[in-house]
Amino acid sequence: MSSPASSRAYVVSGESADGNITVKKGTTGVVLVLQDLDLTSTTGATLSVNKEAEVKVIISGNVVLTDNENPDDETSEDADVADAFDGAAFKAKANSSVYVTGDGTLTINGNAKNGIKAGDDASLIFDGVTVNISAINDGINGNYDVTLLSGSFTIAAGDDAIHADHILTIGKPDGSGPTIRVTESEEGLEGTVVNVYGGDISIVSRDDAVNAANGDGLCHALRHRVARGGAVYRIYHQLL
């Protein structure tokens, strides 16, 4: 890892069969450049943004993050083992703010649970980056808001492709948006509120393509935004 002395920018590249990157709790103003990086972890997330931290992640070249934790650790009778389980290759913890961009390709392998996980009141935004996710549970799972402004996303998930407990936003108010290809899922897009401003979205699922409801089914709010001049997005759905 290298950092210019006059800034809080860090560049990480190379390869590790068992390593982790952590942004410490409460750290702000961090720019983290992941450049041609292949990182695997068996002990927690490969990339962790700790509580109340703020970071801009720039993807350059080909970046691969693989979570090879033992899925059984989540329910271990050993409290320390269970507590240490992250269940994601990329994890943004409670009250953190993460903005992911860049002209590279980010490949996420969630072999333990989720691909990308964001905790309570965490903000997770993607803008302009190419992301490929394979996960045994959710591709992207946020306990609060998840926003995909632009870029390209290909997701194969055992459960939800993209899930937000609060608001899931796809695209920008000007009608532009990302390309999303969900090749496998239980449900494609899920949130208490789902805003689709724009984009080109194709979803293969065993259940709903888009589901706007909270866990107890008491709130349903699906909002498809249409810009001036006509529709600015399309959603294609195929049931498995």
Foldseek 3Di string as FASTA:
>chain_A
DDDDPVAQEEEDEDEDQAAAAEADAQAERHEYEYANYHYEHQFEARYEYDHNYEYEYEYHAEYEFEYNHALCQCVDPPPVSNVRYHQENHEYEANYEYEYEYAYEYEFERENAEHYEYYHNYEEEYEHYHYEAEHAAEDYEYAAEYEFAEHEYEYAYNAEPHEYAAEYEAHDQQLDGYEYHYPEYQEYYEYLEYEYSAYEEEHEHQDYPYFNAHPVRPGGYYHYHAHPPGRSYDYHYHYD
